[in-house]
Amino acid sequence: MLIEFSGQDATITQHILQGFHRYAALIESWIEEAKAKQLIDASVNSKEAGHFIVCAFYGTTALYAAAKDQTILQQTTNQLQHFVHSLRKQ
């Protein structure tokens, strides 16, 4: 939606961006909680990891909407799981 409305309607663009930032902040808070419980490495940048996950989610959504290809969903799910597992404390 952000791509479709970008530059067309500033109000809608801002609303979508706020949703993105809220979703990323939620994931960031989960990462911080996991760090506090020593489940993941303390060196993980929570903000960057949260934004990466949300970008992957939104990008996949846009690609799937265009292609209707289940492979897109499966590949992204696999790689996000791999990414999340890589955050674990060694």
Protein backbone atom coordinates (compact mmCIF):
# COMPACT_ATOMS: atom_id res chain seq x y z
CA MET A 1 0.00 0.00 0.00
CA LEU A 2 2.81 2.39 0.78
CA ILE A 3 4.19 1.94 -2.72
CA GLU A 4 0.76 2.37 -4.30
CA PHE A 5 -0.11 5.54 -2.35
CA SER A 6 3.34 7.09 -2.03
CA GLY A 7 3.24 10.60 -3.42
CA GLN A 8 -0.50 10.43 -4.10
CA ASP A 9 -1.97 11.15 -0.70
CA ALA A 10 0.24 12.45 2.10
CA THR A 11 -2.31 11.58 4.80
CA ILE A 12 -2.56 7.95 3.75
CA THR A 13 1.22 7.71 3.32
CA GLN A 14 1.75 9.02 6.86
CA HIS A 15 -0.86 6.63 8.23
CA ILE A 16 0.85 3.66 6.56
CA LEU A 17 4.29 4.80 7.77
CA GLN A 18 2.97 5.12 11.33
CA GLY A 19 1.67 1.55 11.11
CA PHE A 20 5.07 0.38 9.86
CA HIS A 21 6.86 2.13 12.73
CA ARG A 22 4.42 0.80 15.33
CA TYR A 23 4.79 -2.75 14.06
CA ALA A 24 8.59 -2.43 14.00
CA ALA A 25 8.55 -0.98 17.53
CA LEU A 26 6.49 -3.93 18.76
CA ILE A 27 8.97 -6.41 17.31
CA GLU A 28 11.82 -4.31 18.72
CA SER A 29 10.23 -4.55 22.18
CA TRP A 30 10.00 -8.33 21.86
CA ILE A 31 13.68 -8.47 20.91
CA GLU A 32 14.59 -6.28 23.90
CA GLU A 33 12.57 -8.58 26.15
CA ALA A 34 14.41 -11.61 24.77
CA LYS A 35 17.74 -9.83 25.33
CA ALA A 36 16.77 -9.08 28.94
CA LYS A 37 16.02 -12.78 29.43
CA GLN A 38 19.39 -13.60 27.80
CA LEU A 39 17.68 -15.61 25.07
CA ILE A 40 19.38 -13.72 22.27
CA ASP A 41 22.76 -12.07 21.92
CA ALA A 42 23.06 -8.67 23.60
CA SER A 43 24.84 -7.27 20.54
CA VAL A 44 21.72 -7.59 18.36
CA ASN A 45 20.50 -4.16 17.24
CA SER A 46 16.82 -4.43 18.17
CA LYS A 47 15.71 -1.48 16.05
CA GLU A 48 17.47 -2.74 12.90
CA ALA A 49 16.27 -6.31 13.40
CA GLY A 50 12.69 -5.12 13.94
CA HIS A 51 12.78 -2.99 10.80
CA PHE A 52 14.30 -5.85 8.80
CA ILE A 53 11.53 -8.24 9.83
CA VAL A 54 8.79 -5.72 9.01
CA CYS A 55 10.39 -4.88 5.65
CA ALA A 56 10.58 -8.57 4.80
CA PHE A 57 6.94 -9.00 5.76
CA TYR A 58 5.71 -6.00 3.73
CA GLY A 59 7.91 -6.83 0.76
CA THR A 60 6.64 -10.39 0.72
CA THR A 61 3.07 -9.19 0.98
CA ALA A 62 3.50 -6.95 -2.07
CA LEU A 63 5.19 -9.70 -4.11
CA TYR A 64 2.62 -12.30 -3.14
CA ALA A 65 -0.25 -9.95 -3.98
CA ALA A 66 1.19 -9.50 -7.45
CA ALA A 67 2.24 -13.08 -8.16
CA LYS A 68 -0.08 -15.25 -5.99
CA ASP A 69 2.87 -17.64 -5.73
CA GLN A 70 2.98 -19.70 -2.51
CA THR A 71 6.73 -20.16 -3.02
CA ILE A 72 7.26 -16.49 -2.18
CA LEU A 73 5.55 -16.96 1.18
CA GLN A 74 7.38 -20.20 1.95
CA GLN A 75 10.83 -18.88 1.05
CA THR A 76 10.38 -15.75 3.13
CA THR A 77 9.04 -17.72 6.07
CA ASN A 78 12.04 -20.06 5.87
CA GLN A 79 14.52 -17.19 5.76
CA LEU A 80 12.84 -15.22 8.53
CA GLN A 81 12.93 -18.32 10.73
CA HIS A 82 16.62 -18.72 9.91
CA PHE A 83 17.23 -15.06 10.76
CA VAL A 84 15.37 -15.26 14.08
CA HIS A 85 17.22 -18.44 15.05
CA SER A 86 20.53 -16.72 14.23
CA LEU A 87 19.75 -14.13 16.93
CA ARG A 88 19.87 -16.76 19.65
CA LYS A 89 22.58 -16.46 22.24
CA GLN A 90 25.39 -18.95 21.58
